[in-house]
Amino acid sequence: MSCLVRNVMRCTLLSGAIAAAGQTAPVRVPFVGCRSDGQVGSLKAPVGKSRLVRISSEAAERLAYYKAEDGSGVLAPQGWYCFGTYGSGGSTLYVSSQPIHPEDLFSTTWSGFWGPVVAISDEDGGTSGRYVVADMIARVFPTHRAFLRKVIDEGIEPASSFPPGPYPKDKLTYKSKEVVEYETPAWTKGLGTQSRLLANGDPIRGVAMLIGETPDLVYLAVRLPAGMVNLAPVIIQQVERDAVKSDREN
C-alpha cells in the first residue's frame, strides 16, 4: 500500500534522506539467519537468499544481511555472530564481532556489550513497547509529544520517568521530524548506550525512526572496529531505506 495522503510529506522526507545512496546500483550480499529467544521460546535461524541492496560493490564484499525470525534485519560485517530477542513489546537483533551468549541477554547482572556491535530494535507503540517509544520521543522527537502525554496519562509511568530532552553530548542530525541520525562520543552516555552497548573509547553511531501512525520505533546502534568505520553510514542508510519500504507497505 502506498503512503496515506497525510503521510506523503513524511514519506517524501524519509525518501529524500536516502536519495543519494539510492543512486548506487543494486548488488547482492549474503543472508545470515540468526537464532532468537523470547516470549514463546527459542526460534531457529531463518533460511533466506542473498539480499539485494543498493550499496557499493566494495562495501558488499565486507557486509552480510543478518535477520532473525522476528523484527528487522540489518547489514553488518561478514563473519560476525548474531542472536535476537523478542517479546510483546518488540524485538532486538544483536550482531557482534565476539560470540554472543544468549543467557547474558536475559540476565539481570550482565552489564552489556563492550566491543564492536550492530544492534537494531523494533518497538511496538501499540503494546508494552510504547514506553520505549515514549522515552525516545521525549529524547529527540518533540513534535510527537502528544503520544508521550497519552502514555503518561495512563497513570502507569509518571512524567518524571521520561527524560527532559536529548543527551547533552550526543550529536543529532535530523533528516525529518521522524528521522534522526546520532553520534554518541567515546566514553559518553547517550542514545548509543541505550542499546546495551557499554561506553568505551569508540563512538556509537545510528538512527532512530518513528514509523507509521501509532507510531512504532526503529532504533539502530553501530560501533565498528577502526578499519570498518567507513561502513557505518552504509549500514545506517540501508536501515533508513528498509524503513521507508516498510512504511509504504503498511
C-alpha atoms as a PDB file:
ATOM      1  CA  MET A   1       0.000   0.000   0.000  1.00  0.00           C
ATOM      2  CA  SER A   2       1.323   3.467  -0.833  1.00  0.00           C
ATOM      3  CA  CYS A   3       1.637   6.136   1.840  1.00  0.00           C
ATOM      4  CA  LEU A   4      -1.581   7.719   3.076  1.00  0.00           C
ATOM      5  CA  VAL A   5      -2.123  11.283   1.937  1.00  0.00           C
ATOM      6  CA  ARG A   6      -1.399  12.641   5.401  1.00  0.00           C
ATOM      7  CA  ASN A   7       1.889  10.725   5.372  1.00  0.00           C
ATOM      8  CA  VAL A   8       3.056  11.895   1.952  1.00  0.00           C
ATOM      9  CA  MET A   9       5.278  14.639   3.340  1.00  0.00           C
ATOM     10  CA  ARG A  10       6.828  12.275   5.883  1.00  0.00           C
ATOM     11  CA  CYS A  11       7.486   9.605   3.269  1.00  0.00           C
ATOM     12  CA  THR A  12       8.956  12.221   0.941  1.00  0.00           C
ATOM     13  CA  LEU A  13      11.330  13.374   3.663  1.00  0.00           C
ATOM     14  CA  LEU A  14      12.305   9.805   4.514  1.00  0.00           C
ATOM     15  CA  SER A  15      12.950   9.064   0.866  1.00  0.00           C
ATOM     16  CA  GLY A  16      14.964  12.250   0.487  1.00  0.00           C
ATOM     17  CA  ALA A  17      17.197  11.241   3.359  1.00  0.00           C
ATOM     18  CA  ILE A  18      18.430   8.242   1.385  1.00  0.00           C
ATOM     19  CA  ALA A  19      18.096   9.573  -2.176  1.00  0.00           C
ATOM     20  CA  ALA A  20      21.823   9.945  -2.804  1.00  0.00           C
ATOM     21  CA  ALA A  21      22.570   6.414  -1.616  1.00  0.00           C
ATOM     22  CA  GLY A  22      19.731   5.149  -3.752  1.00  0.00           C
ATOM     23  CA  GLN A  23      21.707   6.028  -6.894  1.00  0.00           C
ATOM     24  CA  THR A  24      24.023   3.052  -6.248  1.00  0.00           C
ATOM     25  CA  ALA A  25      23.371   0.039  -8.461  1.00  0.00           C
ATOM     26  CA  PRO A  26      21.879  -2.955  -6.582  1.00  0.00           C
ATOM     27  CA  VAL A  27      24.314  -5.660  -5.502  1.00  0.00           C
ATOM     28  CA  ARG A  28      23.845  -8.880  -3.544  1.00  0.00           C
ATOM     29  CA  VAL A  29      25.148  -9.635  -0.064  1.00  0.00           C
ATOM     30  CA  PRO A  30      24.976 -12.966   1.797  1.00  0.00           C
ATOM     31  CA  PHE A  31      21.971 -13.681   4.016  1.00  0.00           C
ATOM     32  CA  VAL A  32      22.736 -14.884   7.552  1.00  0.00           C
ATOM     33  CA  GLY A  33      19.903 -16.310   9.649  1.00  0.00           C
ATOM     34  CA  CYS A  34      20.095 -15.703  13.402  1.00  0.00           C
ATOM     35  CA  ARG A  35      18.674 -17.768  16.237  1.00  0.00           C
ATOM     36  CA  SER A  36      16.462 -15.965  18.726  1.00  0.00           C
ATOM     37  CA  ASP A  37      14.661 -16.458  22.014  1.00  0.00           C
ATOM     38  CA  GLY A  38      11.833 -14.711  23.785  1.00  0.00           C
ATOM     39  CA  GLN A  39       8.253 -14.823  24.952  1.00  0.00           C
ATOM     40  CA  VAL A  40       7.223 -18.125  23.394  1.00  0.00           C
ATOM     41  CA  GLY A  41      10.607 -19.847  23.408  1.00  0.00           C
ATOM     42  CA  SER A  42      13.625 -20.260  21.201  1.00  0.00           C
ATOM     43  CA  LEU A  43      13.327 -19.883  17.437  1.00  0.00           C
ATOM     44  CA  LYS A  44      15.562 -21.372  14.772  1.00  0.00           C
ATOM     45  CA  ALA A  45      17.551 -19.194  12.437  1.00  0.00           C
ATOM     46  CA  PRO A  46      15.506 -18.408   9.322  1.00  0.00           C
ATOM     47  CA  VAL A  47      16.750 -19.561   5.940  1.00  0.00           C
ATOM     48  CA  GLY A  48      16.957 -16.895   3.276  1.00  0.00           C
ATOM     49  CA  LYS A  49      18.509 -15.983  -0.041  1.00  0.00           C
ATOM     50  CA  SER A  50      21.181 -13.396  -0.659  1.00  0.00           C
ATOM     51  CA  ARG A  51      19.813  -9.881  -0.201  1.00  0.00           C
ATOM     52  CA  LEU A  52      19.743  -7.279  -2.970  1.00  0.00           C
ATOM     53  CA  VAL A  53      20.842  -3.881  -1.598  1.00  0.00           C
ATOM     54  CA  ARG A  54      21.888  -0.537  -3.033  1.00  0.00           C
ATOM     55  CA  ILE A  55      25.430  -0.213  -1.729  1.00  0.00           C
ATOM     56  CA  SER A  56      28.837  -0.067  -3.383  1.00  0.00           C
ATOM     57  CA  SER A  57      30.427  -3.305  -4.542  1.00  0.00           C
ATOM     58  CA  GLU A  58      33.342  -2.591  -2.199  1.00  0.00           C
ATOM     59  CA  ALA A  59      31.015  -2.436   0.805  1.00  0.00           C
ATOM     60  CA  ALA A  60      29.128  -5.528  -0.379  1.00  0.00           C
ATOM     61  CA  GLU A  61      32.333  -7.551  -0.205  1.00  0.00           C
ATOM     62  CA  ARG A  62      32.574  -6.820   3.525  1.00  0.00           C
ATOM     63  CA  LEU A  63      28.938  -6.942   4.623  1.00  0.00           C
ATOM     64  CA  ALA A  64      26.179  -9.506   5.071  1.00  0.00           C
ATOM     65  CA  TYR A  65      22.474  -9.168   5.838  1.00  0.00           C
ATOM     66  CA  TYR A  66      21.584 -10.621   9.248  1.00  0.00           C
ATOM     67  CA  LYS A  67      17.992 -11.483  10.171  1.00  0.00           C
ATOM     68  CA  ALA A  68      16.207 -13.312  12.997  1.00  0.00           C
ATOM     69  CA  GLU A  69      12.698 -14.765  12.690  1.00  0.00           C
ATOM     70  CA  ASP A  70      11.092 -11.624  14.183  1.00  0.00           C
ATOM     71  CA  GLY A  71      11.946  -7.986  13.574  1.00  0.00           C
ATOM     72  CA  SER A  72      14.149  -6.061  11.195  1.00  0.00           C
ATOM     73  CA  GLY A  73      17.277  -7.328   9.527  1.00  0.00           C
ATOM     74  CA  VAL A  74      20.487  -5.333   9.324  1.00  0.00           C
ATOM     75  CA  LEU A  75      23.748  -5.129   7.431  1.00  0.00           C
ATOM     76  CA  ALA A  76      26.850  -5.939   9.476  1.00  0.00           C
ATOM     77  CA  PRO A  77      30.381  -7.193   8.765  1.00  0.00           C
ATOM     78  CA  GLN A  78      30.638 -10.682   7.346  1.00  0.00           C
ATOM     79  CA  GLY A  79      31.664 -13.463   9.708  1.00  0.00           C
ATOM     80  CA  TRP A  80      30.197 -11.931  12.863  1.00  0.00           C
ATOM     81  CA  TYR A  81      27.950 -13.622  15.422  1.00  0.00           C
ATOM     82  CA  CYS A  82      24.244 -12.853  15.856  1.00  0.00           C
ATOM     83  CA  PHE A  83      21.309 -13.501  18.160  1.00  0.00           C
ATOM     84  CA  GLY A  84      17.843 -11.992  18.530  1.00  0.00           C
ATOM     85  CA  THR A  85      15.452 -11.387  21.403  1.00  0.00           C
ATOM     86  CA  TYR A  86      11.718 -10.748  21.145  1.00  0.00           C
ATOM     87  CA  GLY A  87       8.620 -10.197  23.244  1.00  0.00           C
ATOM     88  CA  SER A  88       5.235  -8.500  23.280  1.00  0.00           C
ATOM     89  CA  GLY A  89       6.809  -5.054  23.051  1.00  0.00           C
ATOM     90  CA  GLY A  90       9.159  -5.658  20.161  1.00  0.00           C
ATOM     91  CA  SER A  91      12.415  -7.303  19.165  1.00  0.00           C
ATOM     92  CA  THR A  92      16.152  -6.672  19.019  1.00  0.00           C
ATOM     93  CA  LEU A  93      18.847  -8.249  16.867  1.00  0.00           C
ATOM     94  CA  TYR A  94      22.471  -8.133  18.029  1.00  0.00           C
ATOM     95  CA  VAL A  95      25.391  -8.766  15.668  1.00  0.00           C
ATOM     96  CA  SER A  96      28.786  -8.873  17.359  1.00  0.00           C
ATOM     97  CA  SER A  97      32.417  -9.476  16.441  1.00  0.00           C
ATOM     98  CA  GLN A  98      32.578 -11.720  19.527  1.00  0.00           C
ATOM     99  CA  PRO A  99      30.447 -14.780  20.374  1.00  0.00           C
ATOM    100  CA  ILE A 100      27.084 -13.877  21.910  1.00  0.00           C
ATOM    101  CA  HIS A 101      25.925 -15.870  24.925  1.00  0.00           C
ATOM    102  CA  PRO A 102      22.099 -15.848  24.930  1.00  0.00           C
ATOM    103  CA  GLU A 103      21.927 -16.266  28.698  1.00  0.00           C
ATOM    104  CA  ASP A 104      23.698 -12.907  29.047  1.00  0.00           C
ATOM    105  CA  LEU A 105      20.961 -11.112  27.116  1.00  0.00           C
ATOM    106  CA  PHE A 106      18.339 -12.302  29.592  1.00  0.00           C
ATOM    107  CA  SER A 107      20.479 -11.814  32.700  1.00  0.00           C
ATOM    108  CA  THR A 108      19.841  -9.004  35.183  1.00  0.00           C
ATOM    109  CA  THR A 109      23.526  -8.915  36.128  1.00  0.00           C
ATOM    110  CA  TRP A 110      25.163  -8.794  32.684  1.00  0.00           C
ATOM    111  CA  SER A 111      26.491  -5.282  32.017  1.00  0.00           C
ATOM    112  CA  GLY A 112      26.381  -5.246  28.216  1.00  0.00           C
ATOM    113  CA  PHE A 113      28.499  -5.351  25.056  1.00  0.00           C
ATOM    114  CA  TRP A 114      31.996  -3.922  25.275  1.00  0.00           C
ATOM    115  CA  GLY A 115      33.312  -4.377  21.750  1.00  0.00           C
ATOM    116  CA  PRO A 116      32.092  -3.854  18.177  1.00  0.00           C
ATOM    117  CA  VAL A 117      28.349  -4.455  17.784  1.00  0.00           C
ATOM    118  CA  VAL A 118      25.481  -3.656  15.434  1.00  0.00           C
ATOM    119  CA  ALA A 119      22.092  -3.688  17.180  1.00  0.00           C
ATOM    120  CA  ILE A 120      18.680  -2.979  15.702  1.00  0.00           C
ATOM    121  CA  SER A 121      15.413  -2.809  17.648  1.00  0.00           C
ATOM    122  CA  ASP A 122      11.762  -2.630  16.647  1.00  0.00           C
ATOM    123  CA  GLU A 123       9.475  -1.263  19.375  1.00  0.00           C
ATOM    124  CA  ASP A 124       5.690  -1.587  19.032  1.00  0.00           C
ATOM    125  CA  GLY A 125       3.990   1.638  20.045  1.00  0.00           C
ATOM    126  CA  GLY A 126       0.677  -0.168  20.481  1.00  0.00           C
ATOM    127  CA  THR A 127       1.870  -2.654  23.124  1.00  0.00           C
ATOM    128  CA  SER A 128       4.284  -2.579  26.061  1.00  0.00           C
ATOM    129  CA  GLY A 129       6.844  -1.203  23.617  1.00  0.00           C
ATOM    130  CA  ARG A 130       5.043   2.138  23.894  1.00  0.00           C
ATOM    131  CA  TYR A 131       7.161   3.040  26.918  1.00  0.00           C
ATOM    132  CA  VAL A 132      10.348   2.736  24.885  1.00  0.00           C
ATOM    133  CA  VAL A 133       8.739   4.716  22.055  1.00  0.00           C
ATOM    134  CA  ALA A 134       7.627   7.410  24.512  1.00  0.00           C
ATOM    135  CA  ASP A 135      11.120   7.585  26.006  1.00  0.00           C
ATOM    136  CA  MET A 136      12.658   8.144  22.570  1.00  0.00           C
ATOM    137  CA  ILE A 137      10.036  10.775  21.745  1.00  0.00           C
ATOM    138  CA  ALA A 138      10.930  12.577  24.973  1.00  0.00           C
ATOM    139  CA  ARG A 139      14.581  12.492  23.921  1.00  0.00           C
ATOM    140  CA  VAL A 140      14.567  13.508  20.287  1.00  0.00           C
ATOM    141  CA  PHE A 141      11.086  13.815  18.721  1.00  0.00           C
ATOM    142  CA  PRO A 142       9.471  16.949  20.218  1.00  0.00           C
ATOM    143  CA  THR A 143       6.739  17.189  17.575  1.00  0.00           C
ATOM    144  CA  HIS A 144       5.330  13.835  18.725  1.00  0.00           C
ATOM    145  CA  ARG A 145       4.861  14.679  22.381  1.00  0.00           C
ATOM    146  CA  ALA A 146       1.119  14.020  22.118  1.00  0.00           C
ATOM    147  CA  PHE A 147       1.998  10.315  22.161  1.00  0.00           C
ATOM    148  CA  LEU A 148       4.189  10.859  25.217  1.00  0.00           C
ATOM    149  CA  ARG A 149       1.366  12.681  27.019  1.00  0.00           C
ATOM    150  CA  LYS A 150      -1.015   9.846  26.194  1.00  0.00           C
ATOM    151  CA  VAL A 151       1.355   7.324  27.757  1.00  0.00           C
ATOM    152  CA  ILE A 152       1.809   9.481  30.859  1.00  0.00           C
ATOM    153  CA  ASP A 153      -1.961   9.927  31.171  1.00  0.00           C
ATOM    154  CA  GLU A 154      -2.333   6.158  31.542  1.00  0.00           C
ATOM    155  CA  GLY A 155      -1.005   6.638  35.071  1.00  0.00           C
ATOM    156  CA  ILE A 156       1.383   3.689  34.928  1.00  0.00           C
ATOM    157  CA  GLU A 157       4.576   5.686  34.400  1.00  0.00           C
ATOM    158  CA  PRO A 158       4.817   9.230  35.813  1.00  0.00           C
ATOM    159  CA  ALA A 159       6.117  12.141  33.767  1.00  0.00           C
ATOM    160  CA  SER A 160       9.288  12.065  35.864  1.00  0.00           C
ATOM    161  CA  SER A 161      10.147   8.669  34.356  1.00  0.00           C
ATOM    162  CA  PHE A 162      10.766  10.230  30.958  1.00  0.00           C
ATOM    163  CA  PRO A 163      13.821  12.328  30.006  1.00  0.00           C
ATOM    164  CA  PRO A 164      13.613  16.096  29.548  1.00  0.00           C
ATOM    165  CA  GLY A 165      15.372  16.130  26.186  1.00  0.00           C
ATOM    166  CA  PRO A 166      18.488  14.944  24.317  1.00  0.00           C
ATOM    167  CA  TYR A 167      21.632  13.632  25.922  1.00  0.00           C
ATOM    168  CA  PRO A 168      23.893  16.674  26.254  1.00  0.00           C
ATOM    169  CA  LYS A 169      26.866  15.283  24.310  1.00  0.00           C
ATOM    170  CA  ASP A 170      25.042  13.469  21.514  1.00  0.00           C
ATOM    171  CA  LYS A 171      25.394  14.926  18.028  1.00  0.00           C
ATOM    172  CA  LEU A 172      21.972  14.843  16.348  1.00  0.00           C
ATOM    173  CA  THR A 173      21.287  15.217  12.623  1.00  0.00           C
ATOM    174  CA  TYR A 174      17.589  15.470  11.764  1.00  0.00           C
ATOM    175  CA  LYS A 175      16.529  14.079   8.388  1.00  0.00           C
ATOM    176  CA  SER A 176      12.879  14.832   9.137  1.00  0.00           C
ATOM    177  CA  LYS A 177      10.598  15.178  12.152  1.00  0.00           C
ATOM    178  CA  GLU A 178      10.530  11.367  12.358  1.00  0.00           C
ATOM    179  CA  VAL A 179      14.141  10.511  11.495  1.00  0.00           C
ATOM    180  CA  VAL A 180      17.242  11.486  13.447  1.00  0.00           C
ATOM    181  CA  GLU A 181      20.754  10.178  12.965  1.00  0.00           C
ATOM    182  CA  TYR A 182      23.011  10.437  16.004  1.00  0.00           C
ATOM    183  CA  GLU A 183      26.558  10.006  17.234  1.00  0.00           C
ATOM    184  CA  THR A 184      27.343   9.247  20.860  1.00  0.00           C
ATOM    185  CA  PRO A 185      31.002  10.185  21.548  1.00  0.00           C
ATOM    186  CA  ALA A 186      33.521   7.836  23.140  1.00  0.00           C
ATOM    187  CA  TRP A 187      33.224   7.302  26.894  1.00  0.00           C
ATOM    188  CA  THR A 188      29.839   9.025  26.897  1.00  0.00           C
ATOM    189  CA  LYS A 189      26.310   8.037  27.853  1.00  0.00           C
ATOM    190  CA  GLY A 190      23.862   8.699  25.047  1.00  0.00           C
ATOM    191  CA  LEU A 191      21.431   7.197  22.564  1.00  0.00           C
ATOM    192  CA  GLY A 192      24.102   4.694  21.582  1.00  0.00           C
ATOM    193  CA  THR A 193      24.379   3.261  25.079  1.00  0.00           C
ATOM    194  CA  GLN A 194      20.616   2.682  25.297  1.00  0.00           C
ATOM    195  CA  SER A 195      21.203  -0.379  23.117  1.00  0.00           C
ATOM    196  CA  ARG A 196      23.135  -2.370  25.773  1.00  0.00           C
ATOM    197  CA  LEU A 197      26.406  -1.162  24.294  1.00  0.00           C
ATOM    198  CA  LEU A 198      28.777  -0.045  27.037  1.00  0.00           C
ATOM    199  CA  ALA A 199      30.603   3.226  26.529  1.00  0.00           C
ATOM    200  CA  ASN A 200      34.224   2.725  25.508  1.00  0.00           C
ATOM    201  CA  GLY A 201      36.903   4.527  23.512  1.00  0.00           C
ATOM    202  CA  ASP A 202      34.941   4.392  20.242  1.00  0.00           C
ATOM    203  CA  PRO A 203      31.869   6.422  19.260  1.00  0.00           C
ATOM    204  CA  ILE A 204      28.493   4.831  18.544  1.00  0.00           C
ATOM    205  CA  ARG A 205      26.511   5.921  15.509  1.00  0.00           C
ATOM    206  CA  GLY A 206      22.974   5.118  14.500  1.00  0.00           C
ATOM    207  CA  VAL A 207      19.488   6.297  13.700  1.00  0.00           C
ATOM    208  CA  ALA A 208      16.117   6.467  15.434  1.00  0.00           C
ATOM    209  CA  MET A 209      12.977   6.482  13.301  1.00  0.00           C
ATOM    210  CA  LEU A 210       9.259   6.750  14.051  1.00  0.00           C
ATOM    211  CA  ILE A 211       7.237   4.604  11.654  1.00  0.00           C
ATOM    212  CA  GLY A 212       3.517   4.514  10.956  1.00  0.00           C
ATOM    213  CA  GLU A 213       0.520   6.137  12.592  1.00  0.00           C
ATOM    214  CA  THR A 214       0.903   4.501  16.017  1.00  0.00           C
ATOM    215  CA  PRO A 215       3.913   5.270  15.887  1.00  0.00           C
ATOM    216  CA  ASP A 216       6.403   2.426  16.199  1.00  0.00           C
ATOM    217  CA  LEU A 217      10.146   2.878  16.640  1.00  0.00           C
ATOM    218  CA  VAL A 218      13.103   1.531  14.691  1.00  0.00           C
ATOM    219  CA  TYR A 219      16.359   2.127  16.532  1.00  0.00           C
ATOM    220  CA  LEU A 220      19.878   1.279  15.319  1.00  0.00           C
ATOM    221  CA  ALA A 221      23.229   1.420  17.112  1.00  0.00           C
ATOM    222  CA  VAL A 222      26.521   0.781  15.297  1.00  0.00           C
ATOM    223  CA  ARG A 223      30.014   0.513  16.774  1.00  0.00           C
ATOM    224  CA  LEU A 224      32.620  -0.825  14.385  1.00  0.00           C
ATOM    225  CA  PRO A 225      36.350  -1.530  14.671  1.00  0.00           C
ATOM    226  CA  ALA A 226      38.746   1.128  13.380  1.00  0.00           C
ATOM    227  CA  GLY A 227      39.233  -0.462   9.972  1.00  0.00           C
ATOM    228  CA  MET A 228      35.500  -0.619   9.303  1.00  0.00           C
ATOM    229  CA  VAL A 229      34.153   2.733  10.486  1.00  0.00           C
ATOM    230  CA  ASN A 230      33.507   3.784   6.881  1.00  0.00           C
ATOM    231  CA  LEU A 231      30.813   1.088   6.746  1.00  0.00           C
ATOM    232  CA  ALA A 232      28.688   2.752   9.431  1.00  0.00           C
ATOM    233  CA  PRO A 233      26.951   5.201   7.041  1.00  0.00           C
ATOM    234  CA  VAL A 234      26.221   2.305   4.661  1.00  0.00           C
ATOM    235  CA  ILE A 235      24.555   0.316   7.453  1.00  0.00           C
ATOM    236  CA  ILE A 236      22.570   3.337   8.649  1.00  0.00           C
ATOM    237  CA  GLN A 237      21.351   4.268   5.179  1.00  0.00           C
ATOM    238  CA  GLN A 238      20.190   0.723   4.475  1.00  0.00           C
ATOM    239  CA  VAL A 239      18.098   0.721   7.651  1.00  0.00           C
ATOM    240  CA  GLU A 240      16.556   4.016   6.528  1.00  0.00           C
ATOM    241  CA  ARG A 241      15.757   2.548   3.105  1.00  0.00           C
ATOM    242  CA  ASP A 242      14.202  -0.547   4.649  1.00  0.00           C
ATOM    243  CA  ALA A 243      12.077   1.610   6.955  1.00  0.00           C
ATOM    244  CA  VAL A 244      10.779   3.673   4.030  1.00  0.00           C
ATOM    245  CA  LYS A 245       9.780   0.462   2.247  1.00  0.00           C
ATOM    246  CA  SER A 246       8.076  -0.911   5.351  1.00  0.00           C
ATOM    247  CA  ASP A 247       6.198   2.345   5.936  1.00  0.00           C
ATOM    248  CA  ARG A 248       4.867   2.345   2.389  1.00  0.00           C
ATOM    249  CA  GLU A 249       3.804  -1.301   2.562  1.00  0.00           C
ATOM    250  CA  ASN A 250       1.826  -0.676   5.742  1.00  0.00           C
END
